[in-house]
């Protein structure tokens, strides 16, 4: 695996952020955590990440709104953005695709599957 891949992980749950960070750091990724969409957007405007992993249901700015906003920024037009969420309905997945999501992972996540999906898209 290529080193130096930077990932921004966005979730309002501290325990989920910790689990995701632990999994990704263990695989050699450089991880930045954001507590909600607004926080993520601010961080993403200061630094370009290789991949963004975001929850959907969050305060201040949800994952779909974040996705739309990121896709408006030229550097983020083609960067993989994965949704990691408890939402598994087709309607929500369709909204995610329409907003520009690259992939969809349902919580609780399996660390191996998460890393496999990330390797596929980066």
PDB file of N, CA and C in Angstrom:
ATOM      1  N   UNK A   1       0.833  -1.197   0.000  1.00  0.00           N
ATOM      2  CA  UNK A   1       0.000   0.000   0.000  1.00  0.00           C
ATOM      3  C   UNK A   1       0.873   1.254   0.000  1.00  0.00           C
ATOM      4  N   UNK A   2       0.457   2.193  -0.782  1.00  0.00           N
ATOM      5  CA  UNK A   2       1.150   3.476  -0.875  1.00  0.00           C
ATOM      6  C   UNK A   2       1.016   4.239   0.445  1.00  0.00           C
ATOM      7  N   UNK A   3       2.107   4.755   0.945  1.00  0.00           N
ATOM      8  CA  UNK A   3       2.017   5.543   2.179  1.00  0.00           C
ATOM      9  C   UNK A   3       1.643   6.975   1.806  1.00  0.00           C
ATOM     10  N   UNK A   4       1.326   7.741   2.832  1.00  0.00           N
ATOM     11  CA  UNK A   4       1.047   9.151   2.582  1.00  0.00           C
ATOM     12  C   UNK A   4      -0.364   9.427   2.131  1.00  0.00           C
ATOM     13  N   UNK A   5      -1.226   8.435   2.170  1.00  0.00           N
ATOM     14  CA  UNK A   5      -2.626   8.684   1.813  1.00  0.00           C
ATOM     15  C   UNK A   5      -3.286   9.363   3.010  1.00  0.00           C
ATOM     16  N   UNK A   6      -3.911  10.484   2.762  1.00  0.00           N
ATOM     17  CA  UNK A   6      -4.556  11.203   3.852  1.00  0.00           C
ATOM     18  C   UNK A   6      -6.065  11.031   3.770  1.00  0.00           C
ATOM     19  N   UNK A   7      -6.667  10.745   4.902  1.00  0.00           N
ATOM     20  CA  UNK A   7      -8.109  10.522   4.954  1.00  0.00           C
ATOM     21  C   UNK A   7      -8.732  11.433   5.999  1.00  0.00           C
ATOM     22  N   UNK A   8      -9.853  12.055   5.605  1.00  0.00           N
ATOM     23  CA  UNK A   8     -10.622  12.862   6.546  1.00  0.00           C
ATOM     24  C   UNK A   8     -11.833  12.025   6.928  1.00  0.00           C
ATOM     25  N   UNK A   9     -11.978  11.732   8.210  1.00  0.00           N
ATOM     26  CA  UNK A   9     -13.108  10.935   8.668  1.00  0.00           C
ATOM     27  C   UNK A   9     -14.056  11.832   9.463  1.00  0.00           C
ATOM     28  N   UNK A  10     -15.336  11.768   9.111  1.00  0.00           N
ATOM     29  CA  UNK A  10     -16.319  12.695   9.667  1.00  0.00           C
ATOM     30  C   UNK A  10     -17.455  11.942  10.353  1.00  0.00           C
ATOM     31  N   UNK A  11     -17.597  12.150  11.658  1.00  0.00           N
ATOM     32  CA  UNK A  11     -18.683  11.498  12.391  1.00  0.00           C
ATOM     33  C   UNK A  11     -18.895  12.247  13.698  1.00  0.00           C
ATOM     34  N   UNK A  12     -20.159  12.414  14.091  1.00  0.00           N
ATOM     35  CA  UNK A  12     -20.414  13.118  15.349  1.00  0.00           C
ATOM     36  C   UNK A  12     -20.253  12.183  16.547  1.00  0.00           C
ATOM     37  N   UNK A  13     -20.055  10.895  16.296  1.00  0.00           N
ATOM     38  CA  UNK A  13     -19.827   9.949  17.389  1.00  0.00           C
ATOM     39  C   UNK A  13     -18.327   9.763  17.603  1.00  0.00           C
ATOM     40  N   UNK A  14     -17.852  10.128  18.802  1.00  0.00           N
ATOM     41  CA  UNK A  14     -16.425  10.001  19.116  1.00  0.00           C
ATOM     42  C   UNK A  14     -15.968   8.548  19.035  1.00  0.00           C
ATOM     43  N   UNK A  15     -16.822   7.624  19.475  1.00  0.00           N
ATOM     44  CA  UNK A  15     -16.399   6.213  19.458  1.00  0.00           C
ATOM     45  C   UNK A  15     -16.240   5.692  18.026  1.00  0.00           C
ATOM     46  N   UNK A  16     -17.101   6.118  17.124  1.00  0.00           N
ATOM     47  CA  UNK A  16     -16.974   5.708  15.715  1.00  0.00           C
ATOM     48  C   UNK A  16     -15.697   6.322  15.130  1.00  0.00           C
ATOM     49  N   UNK A  17     -15.475   7.622  15.399  1.00  0.00           N
ATOM     50  CA  UNK A  17     -14.253   8.271  14.883  1.00  0.00           C
ATOM     51  C   UNK A  17     -13.018   7.529  15.363  1.00  0.00           C
ATOM     52  N   UNK A  18     -13.008   7.141  16.647  1.00  0.00           N
ATOM     53  CA  UNK A  18     -11.853   6.430  17.201  1.00  0.00           C
ATOM     54  C   UNK A  18     -11.647   5.092  16.517  1.00  0.00           C
ATOM     55  N   UNK A  19     -12.748   4.356  16.305  1.00  0.00           N
ATOM     56  CA  UNK A  19     -12.647   3.053  15.658  1.00  0.00           C
ATOM     57  C   UNK A  19     -12.142   3.176  14.230  1.00  0.00           C
ATOM     58  N   UNK A  20     -12.682   4.151  13.506  1.00  0.00           N
ATOM     59  CA  UNK A  20     -12.273   4.371  12.119  1.00  0.00           C
ATOM     60  C   UNK A  20     -10.800   4.782  12.086  1.00  0.00           C
ATOM     61  N   UNK A  21     -10.425   5.745  12.919  1.00  0.00           N
ATOM     62  CA  UNK A  21      -9.036   6.219  12.964  1.00  0.00           C
ATOM     63  C   UNK A  21      -8.074   5.085  13.290  1.00  0.00           C
ATOM     64  N   UNK A  22      -8.437   4.292  14.275  1.00  0.00           N
ATOM     65  CA  UNK A  22      -7.602   3.176  14.711  1.00  0.00           C
ATOM     66  C   UNK A  22      -7.385   2.193  13.549  1.00  0.00           C
ATOM     67  N   UNK A  23      -8.480   1.883  12.849  1.00  0.00           N
ATOM     68  CA  UNK A  23      -8.412   0.958  11.706  1.00  0.00           C
ATOM     69  C   UNK A  23      -7.524   1.520  10.600  1.00  0.00           C
ATOM     70  N   UNK A  24      -7.745   2.795  10.255  1.00  0.00           N
ATOM     71  CA  UNK A  24      -7.012   3.408   9.145  1.00  0.00           C
ATOM     72  C   UNK A  24      -5.540   3.639   9.481  1.00  0.00           C
ATOM     73  N   UNK A  25      -5.287   4.135  10.701  1.00  0.00           N
ATOM     74  CA  UNK A  25      -3.891   4.380  11.099  1.00  0.00           C
ATOM     75  C   UNK A  25      -3.116   3.075  11.140  1.00  0.00           C
ATOM     76  N   UNK A  26      -3.795   2.011  11.591  1.00  0.00           N
ATOM     77  CA  UNK A  26      -3.168   0.694  11.632  1.00  0.00           C
ATOM     78  C   UNK A  26      -2.762   0.218  10.251  1.00  0.00           C
ATOM     79  N   UNK A  27      -3.460   0.712   9.219  1.00  0.00           N
ATOM     80  CA  UNK A  27      -3.159   0.319   7.839  1.00  0.00           C
ATOM     81  C   UNK A  27      -2.215   1.322   7.179  1.00  0.00           C
ATOM     82  N   UNK A  28      -1.729   2.290   7.965  1.00  0.00           N
ATOM     83  CA  UNK A  28      -0.732   3.224   7.438  1.00  0.00           C
ATOM     84  C   UNK A  28      -1.253   4.526   6.872  1.00  0.00           C
ATOM     85  N   UNK A  29      -2.530   4.793   7.059  1.00  0.00           N
ATOM     86  CA  UNK A  29      -3.080   6.056   6.555  1.00  0.00           C
ATOM     87  C   UNK A  29      -2.884   7.178   7.566  1.00  0.00           C
ATOM     88  N   UNK A  30      -2.843   8.401   7.040  1.00  0.00           N
ATOM     89  CA  UNK A  30      -2.751   9.586   7.864  1.00  0.00           C
ATOM     90  C   UNK A  30      -4.188  10.086   8.024  1.00  0.00           C
ATOM     91  N   UNK A  31      -4.695  10.129   9.250  1.00  0.00           N
ATOM     92  CA  UNK A  31      -6.116  10.417   9.469  1.00  0.00           C
ATOM     93  C   UNK A  31      -6.354  11.729  10.206  1.00  0.00           C
ATOM     94  N   UNK A  32      -7.315  12.495   9.709  1.00  0.00           N
ATOM     95  CA  UNK A  32      -7.775  13.703  10.388  1.00  0.00           C
ATOM     96  C   UNK A  32      -9.236  13.459  10.721  1.00  0.00           C
ATOM     97  N   UNK A  33      -9.647  13.827  11.927  1.00  0.00           N
ATOM     98  CA  UNK A  33     -11.034  13.630  12.340  1.00  0.00           C
ATOM     99  C   UNK A  33     -11.795  14.956  12.318  1.00  0.00           C
ATOM    100  N   UNK A  34     -13.068  14.874  11.915  1.00  0.00           N
ATOM    101  CA  UNK A  34     -13.949  16.042  11.970  1.00  0.00           C
ATOM    102  C   UNK A  34     -15.234  15.606  12.678  1.00  0.00           C
ATOM    103  N   UNK A  35     -15.815  16.519  13.469  1.00  0.00           N
ATOM    104  CA  UNK A  35     -16.967  16.165  14.304  1.00  0.00           C
ATOM    105  C   UNK A  35     -18.320  16.309  13.610  1.00  0.00           C
ATOM    106  N   UNK A  36     -18.368  17.044  12.493  1.00  0.00           N
ATOM    107  CA  UNK A  36     -19.610  17.169  11.723  1.00  0.00           C
ATOM    108  C   UNK A  36     -19.258  17.757  10.355  1.00  0.00           C
ATOM    109  N   UNK A  37     -20.264  17.923   9.512  1.00  0.00           N
ATOM    110  CA  UNK A  37     -20.027  18.410   8.153  1.00  0.00           C
ATOM    111  C   UNK A  37     -19.357  19.775   8.092  1.00  0.00           C
ATOM    112  N   UNK A  38     -19.766  20.660   8.986  1.00  0.00           N
ATOM    113  CA  UNK A  38     -19.198  22.012   9.005  1.00  0.00           C
ATOM    114  C   UNK A  38     -17.702  21.966   9.325  1.00  0.00           C
ATOM    115  N   UNK A  39     -17.360  21.202  10.334  1.00  0.00           N
ATOM    116  CA  UNK A  39     -15.967  21.021  10.745  1.00  0.00           C
ATOM    117  C   UNK A  39     -15.165  20.412   9.588  1.00  0.00           C
ATOM    118  N   UNK A  40     -15.762  19.413   8.930  1.00  0.00           N
ATOM    119  CA  UNK A  40     -15.087  18.732   7.813  1.00  0.00           C
ATOM    120  C   UNK A  40     -14.835  19.690   6.658  1.00  0.00           C
ATOM    121  N   UNK A  41     -15.822  20.509   6.346  1.00  0.00           N
ATOM    122  CA  UNK A  41     -15.696  21.451   5.233  1.00  0.00           C
ATOM    123  C   UNK A  41     -14.573  22.453   5.513  1.00  0.00           C
ATOM    124  N   UNK A  42     -14.508  22.924   6.766  1.00  0.00           N
ATOM    125  CA  UNK A  42     -13.442  23.856   7.135  1.00  0.00           C
ATOM    126  C   UNK A  42     -12.077  23.187   6.988  1.00  0.00           C
ATOM    127  N   UNK A  43     -11.952  21.938   7.448  1.00  0.00           N
ATOM    128  CA  UNK A  43     -10.679  21.224   7.349  1.00  0.00           C
ATOM    129  C   UNK A  43     -10.316  20.937   5.897  1.00  0.00           C
ATOM    130  N   UNK A  44     -11.323  20.565   5.110  1.00  0.00           N
ATOM    131  CA  UNK A  44     -11.090  20.229   3.699  1.00  0.00           C
ATOM    132  C   UNK A  44     -10.722  21.465   2.879  1.00  0.00           C
ATOM    133  N   UNK A  45     -11.108  22.644   3.357  1.00  0.00           N
ATOM    134  CA  UNK A  45     -10.767  23.850   2.596  1.00  0.00           C
ATOM    135  C   UNK A  45      -9.327  24.283   2.884  1.00  0.00           C
ATOM    136  N   UNK A  46      -8.752  23.756   3.970  1.00  0.00           N
ATOM    137  CA  UNK A  46      -7.364  24.110   4.315  1.00  0.00           C
ATOM    138  C   UNK A  46      -6.348  23.112   3.772  1.00  0.00           C
ATOM    139  N   UNK A  47      -6.804  21.894   3.473  1.00  0.00           N
ATOM    140  CA  UNK A  47      -5.894  20.837   3.039  1.00  0.00           C
ATOM    141  C   UNK A  47      -6.662  19.884   2.143  1.00  0.00           C
ATOM    142  N   UNK A  48      -6.025  19.367   1.095  1.00  0.00           N
ATOM    143  CA  UNK A  48      -6.718  18.427   0.222  1.00  0.00           C
ATOM    144  C   UNK A  48      -6.424  17.003   0.685  1.00  0.00           C
ATOM    145  N   UNK A  49      -7.485  16.253   0.942  1.00  0.00           N
ATOM    146  CA  UNK A  49      -7.359  14.862   1.380  1.00  0.00           C
ATOM    147  C   UNK A  49      -7.498  13.923   0.193  1.00  0.00           C
ATOM    148  N   UNK A  50      -6.929  12.722   0.305  1.00  0.00           N
ATOM    149  CA  UNK A  50      -7.022  11.728  -0.768  1.00  0.00           C
ATOM    150  C   UNK A  50      -8.369  11.007  -0.753  1.00  0.00           C
ATOM    151  N   UNK A  51      -9.027  11.033   0.427  1.00  0.00           N
ATOM    152  CA  UNK A  51     -10.310  10.347   0.550  1.00  0.00           C
ATOM    153  C   UNK A  51     -11.062  10.926   1.742  1.00  0.00           C
ATOM    154  N   UNK A  52     -12.374  10.961   1.627  1.00  0.00           N
ATOM    155  CA  UNK A  52     -13.192  11.432   2.737  1.00  0.00           C
ATOM    156  C   UNK A  52     -14.198  10.342   3.076  1.00  0.00           C
ATOM    157  N   UNK A  53     -14.321  10.081   4.358  1.00  0.00           N
ATOM    158  CA  UNK A  53     -15.219   9.045   4.862  1.00  0.00           C
ATOM    159  C   UNK A  53     -16.181   9.759   5.803  1.00  0.00           C
ATOM    160  N   UNK A  54     -17.464   9.813   5.440  1.00  0.00           N
ATOM    161  CA  UNK A  54     -18.381  10.597   6.257  1.00  0.00           C
ATOM    162  C   UNK A  54     -19.681   9.890   6.635  1.00  0.00           C
ATOM    163  N   UNK A  55     -20.144  10.225   7.819  1.00  0.00           N
ATOM    164  CA  UNK A  55     -21.450   9.780   8.307  1.00  0.00           C
ATOM    165  C   UNK A  55     -22.495  10.649   7.591  1.00  0.00           C
ATOM    166  N   UNK A  56     -23.770  10.287   7.700  1.00  0.00           N
ATOM    167  CA  UNK A  56     -24.814  11.134   7.111  1.00  0.00           C
ATOM    168  C   UNK A  56     -25.501  11.977   8.172  1.00  0.00           C
ATOM    169  N   UNK A  57     -26.011  11.325   9.221  1.00  0.00           N
ATOM    170  CA  UNK A  57     -26.789  12.055  10.227  1.00  0.00           C
ATOM    171  C   UNK A  57     -25.889  12.730  11.261  1.00  0.00           C
ATOM    172  N   UNK A  58     -25.711  14.043  11.094  1.00  0.00           N
ATOM    173  CA  UNK A  58     -24.850  14.813  12.002  1.00  0.00           C
ATOM    174  C   UNK A  58     -25.439  16.195  12.226  1.00  0.00           C
ATOM    175  N   UNK A  59     -25.124  16.816  13.359  1.00  0.00           N
ATOM    176  CA  UNK A  59     -25.608  18.200  13.599  1.00  0.00           C
ATOM    177  C   UNK A  59     -24.875  19.205  12.702  1.00  0.00           C
ATOM    178  N   UNK A  60     -25.371  20.412  12.648  1.00  0.00           N
ATOM    179  CA  UNK A  60     -24.796  21.545  11.893  1.00  0.00           C
ATOM    180  C   UNK A  60     -24.803  21.342  10.379  1.00  0.00           C
ATOM    181  N   UNK A  61     -24.193  20.274   9.894  1.00  0.00           N
ATOM    182  CA  UNK A  61     -24.250  19.981   8.457  1.00  0.00           C
ATOM    183  C   UNK A  61     -24.183  18.479   8.294  1.00  0.00           C
ATOM    184  N   UNK A  62     -25.177  17.894   7.625  1.00  0.00           N
ATOM    185  CA  UNK A  62     -25.165  16.441   7.471  1.00  0.00           C
ATOM    186  C   UNK A  62     -24.246  16.005   6.327  1.00  0.00           C
ATOM    187  N   UNK A  63     -24.084  14.708   6.219  1.00  0.00           N
ATOM    188  CA  UNK A  63     -23.153  14.148   5.240  1.00  0.00           C
ATOM    189  C   UNK A  63     -23.516  14.431   3.792  1.00  0.00           C
ATOM    190  N   UNK A  64     -24.807  14.452   3.477  1.00  0.00           N
ATOM    191  CA  UNK A  64     -25.214  14.711   2.090  1.00  0.00           C
ATOM    192  C   UNK A  64     -24.906  16.151   1.700  1.00  0.00           C
ATOM    193  N   UNK A  65     -25.168  17.081   2.611  1.00  0.00           N
ATOM    194  CA  UNK A  65     -24.891  18.499   2.355  1.00  0.00           C
ATOM    195  C   UNK A  65     -23.369  18.688   2.205  1.00  0.00           C
ATOM    196  N   UNK A  66     -22.618  18.009   3.070  1.00  0.00           N
ATOM    197  CA  UNK A  66     -21.162  18.074   2.999  1.00  0.00           C
ATOM    198  C   UNK A  66     -20.686  17.580   1.638  1.00  0.00           C
ATOM    199  N   UNK A  67     -21.252  16.478   1.196  1.00  0.00           N
ATOM    200  CA  UNK A  67     -20.906  15.883  -0.087  1.00  0.00           C
ATOM    201  C   UNK A  67     -21.147  16.871  -1.225  1.00  0.00           C
ATOM    202  N   UNK A  68     -22.320  17.499  -1.225  1.00  0.00           N
ATOM    203  CA  UNK A  68     -22.649  18.487  -2.259  1.00  0.00           C
ATOM    204  C   UNK A  68     -21.651  19.642  -2.245  1.00  0.00           C
ATOM    205  N   UNK A  69     -21.360  20.141  -1.043  1.00  0.00           N
ATOM    206  CA  UNK A  69     -20.439  21.282  -0.914  1.00  0.00           C
ATOM    207  C   UNK A  69     -19.026  20.904  -1.385  1.00  0.00           C
ATOM    208  N   UNK A  70     -18.569  19.702  -1.002  1.00  0.00           N
ATOM    209  CA  UNK A  70     -17.232  19.269  -1.412  1.00  0.00           C
ATOM    210  C   UNK A  70     -17.141  19.120  -2.926  1.00  0.00           C
ATOM    211  N   UNK A  71     -18.189  18.586  -3.543  1.00  0.00           N
ATOM    212  CA  UNK A  71     -18.177  18.380  -4.997  1.00  0.00           C
ATOM    213  C   UNK A  71     -18.164  19.709  -5.759  1.00  0.00           C
ATOM    214  N   UNK A  72     -18.494  20.804  -5.080  1.00  0.00           N
ATOM    215  CA  UNK A  72     -18.440  22.129  -5.722  1.00  0.00           C
ATOM    216  C   UNK A  72     -17.018  22.679  -5.728  1.00  0.00           C
ATOM    217  N   UNK A  73     -16.122  22.095  -4.913  1.00  0.00           N
ATOM    218  CA  UNK A  73     -14.732  22.558  -4.830  1.00  0.00           C
ATOM    219  C   UNK A  73     -13.924  21.785  -5.872  1.00  0.00           C
ATOM    220  N   UNK A  74     -13.204  22.506  -6.730  1.00  0.00           N
ATOM    221  CA  UNK A  74     -12.530  21.829  -7.841  1.00  0.00           C
ATOM    222  C   UNK A  74     -11.630  20.661  -7.423  1.00  0.00           C
ATOM    223  N   UNK A  75     -10.880  20.830  -6.313  1.00  0.00           N
ATOM    224  CA  UNK A  75      -9.973  19.760  -5.877  1.00  0.00           C
ATOM    225  C   UNK A  75     -10.719  18.508  -5.435  1.00  0.00           C
ATOM    226  N   UNK A  76     -12.008  18.647  -5.118  1.00  0.00           N
ATOM    227  CA  UNK A  76     -12.784  17.507  -4.611  1.00  0.00           C
ATOM    228  C   UNK A  76     -13.765  16.925  -5.628  1.00  0.00           C
ATOM    229  N   UNK A  77     -13.662  17.373  -6.889  1.00  0.00           N
ATOM    230  CA  UNK A  77     -14.583  16.875  -7.921  1.00  0.00           C
ATOM    231  C   UNK A  77     -14.440  15.363  -8.094  1.00  0.00           C
ATOM    232  N   UNK A  78     -13.188  14.871  -8.039  1.00  0.00           N
ATOM    233  CA  UNK A  78     -12.980  13.453  -8.342  1.00  0.00           C
ATOM    234  C   UNK A  78     -12.383  12.641  -7.199  1.00  0.00           C
ATOM    235  N   UNK A  79     -12.263  13.247  -6.025  1.00  0.00           N
ATOM    236  CA  UNK A  79     -11.716  12.526  -4.876  1.00  0.00           C
ATOM    237  C   UNK A  79     -12.789  11.572  -4.326  1.00  0.00           C
ATOM    238  N   UNK A  80     -12.417  10.344  -3.989  1.00  0.00           N
ATOM    239  CA  UNK A  80     -13.426   9.418  -3.460  1.00  0.00           C
ATOM    240  C   UNK A  80     -14.017   9.895  -2.126  1.00  0.00           C
ATOM    241  N   UNK A  81     -15.330   9.865  -2.054  1.00  0.00           N
ATOM    242  CA  UNK A  81     -16.025  10.209  -0.819  1.00  0.00           C
ATOM    243  C   UNK A  81     -16.942   9.035  -0.493  1.00  0.00           C
ATOM    244  N   UNK A  82     -16.653   8.387   0.636  1.00  0.00           N
ATOM    245  CA  UNK A  82     -17.430   7.225   1.057  1.00  0.00           C
ATOM    246  C   UNK A  82     -18.366   7.596   2.197  1.00  0.00           C
ATOM    247  N   UNK A  83     -19.575   7.076   2.159  1.00  0.00           N
ATOM    248  CA  UNK A  83     -20.539   7.299   3.223  1.00  0.00           C
ATOM    249  C   UNK A  83     -20.461   6.105   4.174  1.00  0.00           C
ATOM    250  N   UNK A  84     -20.273   6.384   5.451  1.00  0.00           N
ATOM    251  CA  UNK A  84     -20.245   5.327   6.473  1.00  0.00           C
ATOM    252  C   UNK A  84     -21.389   5.660   7.421  1.00  0.00           C
ATOM    253  N   UNK A  85     -22.469   4.905   7.333  1.00  0.00           N
ATOM    254  CA  UNK A  85     -23.694   5.320   7.992  1.00  0.00           C
ATOM    255  C   UNK A  85     -24.559   4.148   8.435  1.00  0.00           C
ATOM    256  N   UNK A  86     -25.499   4.406   9.317  1.00  0.00           N
ATOM    257  CA  UNK A  86     -26.461   3.374   9.714  1.00  0.00           C
ATOM    258  C   UNK A  86     -27.582   3.301   8.673  1.00  0.00           C
ATOM    259  N   UNK A  87     -27.639   4.298   7.781  1.00  0.00           N
ATOM    260  CA  UNK A  87     -28.681   4.337   6.744  1.00  0.00           C
ATOM    261  C   UNK A  87     -28.384   3.288   5.687  1.00  0.00           C
ATOM    262  N   UNK A  88     -29.347   2.401   5.432  1.00  0.00           N
ATOM    263  CA  UNK A  88     -29.080   1.405   4.398  1.00  0.00           C
ATOM    264  C   UNK A  88     -30.201   1.347   3.365  1.00  0.00           C
ATOM    265  N   UNK A  89     -31.153   2.290   3.469  1.00  0.00           N
ATOM    266  CA  UNK A  89     -32.283   2.302   2.532  1.00  0.00           C
ATOM    267  C   UNK A  89     -31.881   2.736   1.130  1.00  0.00           C
ATOM    268  N   UNK A  90     -32.563   2.180   0.123  1.00  0.00           N
ATOM    269  CA  UNK A  90     -32.270   2.502  -1.279  1.00  0.00           C
ATOM    270  C   UNK A  90     -32.463   3.976  -1.591  1.00  0.00           C
ATOM    271  N   UNK A  91     -33.472   4.582  -0.950  1.00  0.00           N
ATOM    272  CA  UNK A  91     -33.760   5.989  -1.220  1.00  0.00           C
ATOM    273  C   UNK A  91     -32.588   6.865  -0.766  1.00  0.00           C
ATOM    274  N   UNK A  92     -32.064   6.568   0.430  1.00  0.00           N
ATOM    275  CA  UNK A  92     -30.933   7.332   0.949  1.00  0.00           C
ATOM    276  C   UNK A  92     -29.687   7.084   0.093  1.00  0.00           C
ATOM    277  N   UNK A  93     -29.497   5.839  -0.365  1.00  0.00           N
ATOM    278  CA  UNK A  93     -28.349   5.524  -1.220  1.00  0.00           C
ATOM    279  C   UNK A  93     -28.454   6.281  -2.542  1.00  0.00           C
ATOM    280  N   UNK A  94     -29.662   6.369  -3.071  1.00  0.00           N
ATOM    281  CA  UNK A  94     -29.878   7.100  -4.324  1.00  0.00           C
ATOM    282  C   UNK A  94     -29.544   8.579  -4.133  1.00  0.00           C
ATOM    283  N   UNK A  95     -29.945   9.137  -2.973  1.00  0.00           N
ATOM    284  CA  UNK A  95     -29.619  10.543  -2.672  1.00  0.00           C
ATOM    285  C   UNK A  95     -28.105  10.713  -2.597  1.00  0.00           C
ATOM    286  N   UNK A  96     -27.445   9.754  -1.956  1.00  0.00           N
ATOM    287  CA  UNK A  96     -25.992   9.793  -1.834  1.00  0.00           C
ATOM    288  C   UNK A  96     -25.313   9.768  -3.195  1.00  0.00           C
ATOM    289  N   UNK A  97     -25.790   8.875  -4.065  1.00  0.00           N
ATOM    290  CA  UNK A  97     -25.215   8.786  -5.418  1.00  0.00           C
ATOM    291  C   UNK A  97     -25.430  10.088  -6.169  1.00  0.00           C
ATOM    292  N   UNK A  98     -26.648  10.633  -6.042  1.00  0.00           N
ATOM    293  CA  UNK A  98     -26.971  11.884  -6.730  1.00  0.00           C
ATOM    294  C   UNK A  98     -26.076  13.018  -6.240  1.00  0.00           C
ATOM    295  N   UNK A  99     -25.724  12.997  -4.950  1.00  0.00           N
ATOM    296  CA  UNK A  99     -24.885  14.055  -4.381  1.00  0.00           C
ATOM    297  C   UNK A  99     -23.407  13.826  -4.710  1.00  0.00           C
ATOM    298  N   UNK A 100     -23.086  12.645  -5.216  1.00  0.00           N
ATOM    299  CA  UNK A 100     -21.706  12.387  -5.629  1.00  0.00           C
ATOM    300  C   UNK A 100     -20.926  11.397  -4.785  1.00  0.00           C
ATOM    301  N   UNK A 101     -21.620  10.572  -3.997  1.00  0.00           N
ATOM    302  CA  UNK A 101     -20.910   9.587  -3.176  1.00  0.00           C
ATOM    303  C   UNK A 101     -20.242   8.533  -4.059  1.00  0.00           C
ATOM    304  N   UNK A 102     -19.032   8.137  -3.683  1.00  0.00           N
ATOM    305  CA  UNK A 102     -18.285   7.130  -4.428  1.00  0.00           C
ATOM    306  C   UNK A 102     -18.715   5.735  -3.989  1.00  0.00           C
ATOM    307  N   UNK A 103     -19.021   5.592  -2.692  1.00  0.00           N
ATOM    308  CA  UNK A 103     -19.380   4.285  -2.163  1.00  0.00           C
ATOM    309  C   UNK A 103     -20.155   4.419  -0.870  1.00  0.00           C
ATOM    310  N   UNK A 104     -20.641   3.282  -0.374  1.00  0.00           N
ATOM    311  CA  UNK A 104     -21.541   3.268   0.768  1.00  0.00           C
ATOM    312  C   UNK A 104     -21.179   2.122   1.693  1.00  0.00           C
ATOM    313  N   UNK A 105     -20.919   2.410   2.945  1.00  0.00           N
ATOM    314  CA  UNK A 105     -20.639   1.359   3.929  1.00  0.00           C
ATOM    315  C   UNK A 105     -21.623   1.517   5.073  1.00  0.00           C
ATOM    316  N   UNK A 106     -22.164   0.397   5.530  1.00  0.00           N
ATOM    317  CA  UNK A 106     -23.163   0.471   6.595  1.00  0.00           C
ATOM    318  C   UNK A 106     -22.535   0.119   7.938  1.00  0.00           C
ATOM    319  N   UNK A 107     -22.865   0.924   8.966  1.00  0.00           N
ATOM    320  CA  UNK A 107     -22.402   0.657  10.334  1.00  0.00           C
ATOM    321  C   UNK A 107     -23.309  -0.403  10.950  1.00  0.00           C
ATOM    322  N   UNK A 108     -22.831  -1.214  11.867  1.00  0.00           N
ATOM    323  CA  UNK A 108     -21.428  -1.259  12.292  1.00  0.00           C
ATOM    324  C   UNK A 108     -20.561  -1.830  11.171  1.00  0.00           C
ATOM    325  N   UNK A 109     -19.383  -1.240  10.971  1.00  0.00           N
ATOM    326  CA  UNK A 109     -18.542  -1.658   9.862  1.00  0.00           C
ATOM    327  C   UNK A 109     -17.542  -2.731  10.276  1.00  0.00           C
ATOM    328  N   UNK A 110     -17.115  -3.480   9.282  1.00  0.00           N
ATOM    329  CA  UNK A 110     -16.100  -4.498   9.473  1.00  0.00           C
ATOM    330  C   UNK A 110     -14.776  -3.860   9.024  1.00  0.00           C
ATOM    331  N   UNK A 111     -13.763  -3.782   9.914  1.00  0.00           N
ATOM    332  CA  UNK A 111     -12.503  -3.118   9.559  1.00  0.00           C
ATOM    333  C   UNK A 111     -11.874  -3.616   8.256  1.00  0.00           C
ATOM    334  N   UNK A 112     -11.907  -4.941   8.020  1.00  0.00           N
ATOM    335  CA  UNK A 112     -11.307  -5.472   6.785  1.00  0.00           C
ATOM    336  C   UNK A 112     -12.051  -4.962   5.560  1.00  0.00           C
ATOM    337  N   UNK A 113     -13.387  -4.960   5.627  1.00  0.00           N
ATOM    338  CA  UNK A 113     -14.179  -4.491   4.480  1.00  0.00           C
ATOM    339  C   UNK A 113     -13.918  -3.015   4.225  1.00  0.00           C
ATOM    340  N   UNK A 114     -13.817  -2.250   5.310  1.00  0.00           N
ATOM    341  CA  UNK A 114     -13.564  -0.816   5.179  1.00  0.00           C
ATOM    342  C   UNK A 114     -12.249  -0.592   4.425  1.00  0.00           C
ATOM    343  N   UNK A 115     -11.198  -1.300   4.829  1.00  0.00           N
ATOM    344  CA  UNK A 115      -9.896  -1.145   4.185  1.00  0.00           C
ATOM    345  C   UNK A 115      -9.923  -1.629   2.738  1.00  0.00           C
ATOM    346  N   UNK A 116     -10.676  -2.689   2.464  1.00  0.00           N
ATOM    347  CA  UNK A 116     -10.793  -3.191   1.099  1.00  0.00           C
ATOM    348  C   UNK A 116     -11.434  -2.149   0.198  1.00  0.00           C
ATOM    349  N   UNK A 117     -12.527  -1.565   0.662  1.00  0.00           N
ATOM    350  CA  UNK A 117     -13.234  -0.557  -0.125  1.00  0.00           C
ATOM    351  C   UNK A 117     -12.322   0.647  -0.380  1.00  0.00           C
ATOM    352  N   UNK A 118     -11.608   1.087   0.650  1.00  0.00           N
ATOM    353  CA  UNK A 118     -10.701   2.232   0.507  1.00  0.00           C
ATOM    354  C   UNK A 118      -9.604   1.927  -0.515  1.00  0.00           C
ATOM    355  N   UNK A 119      -9.054   0.714  -0.462  1.00  0.00           N
ATOM    356  CA  UNK A 119      -8.011   0.342  -1.431  1.00  0.00           C
ATOM    357  C   UNK A 119      -8.560   0.355  -2.850  1.00  0.00           C
ATOM    358  N   UNK A 120      -9.807  -0.079  -3.006  1.00  0.00           N
ATOM    359  CA  UNK A 120     -10.427  -0.120  -4.343  1.00  0.00           C
ATOM    360  C   UNK A 120     -10.578   1.267  -4.928  1.00  0.00           C
ATOM    361  N   UNK A 121     -10.943   2.230  -4.101  1.00  0.00           N
ATOM    362  CA  UNK A 121     -11.262   3.550  -4.646  1.00  0.00           C
ATOM    363  C   UNK A 121     -10.106   4.541  -4.664  1.00  0.00           C
ATOM    364  N   UNK A 122      -8.998   4.222  -3.973  1.00  0.00           N
ATOM    365  CA  UNK A 122      -7.894   5.209  -3.958  1.00  0.00           C
ATOM    366  C   UNK A 122      -6.797   4.803  -4.922  1.00  0.00           C
TER     367      UNK A 122
END
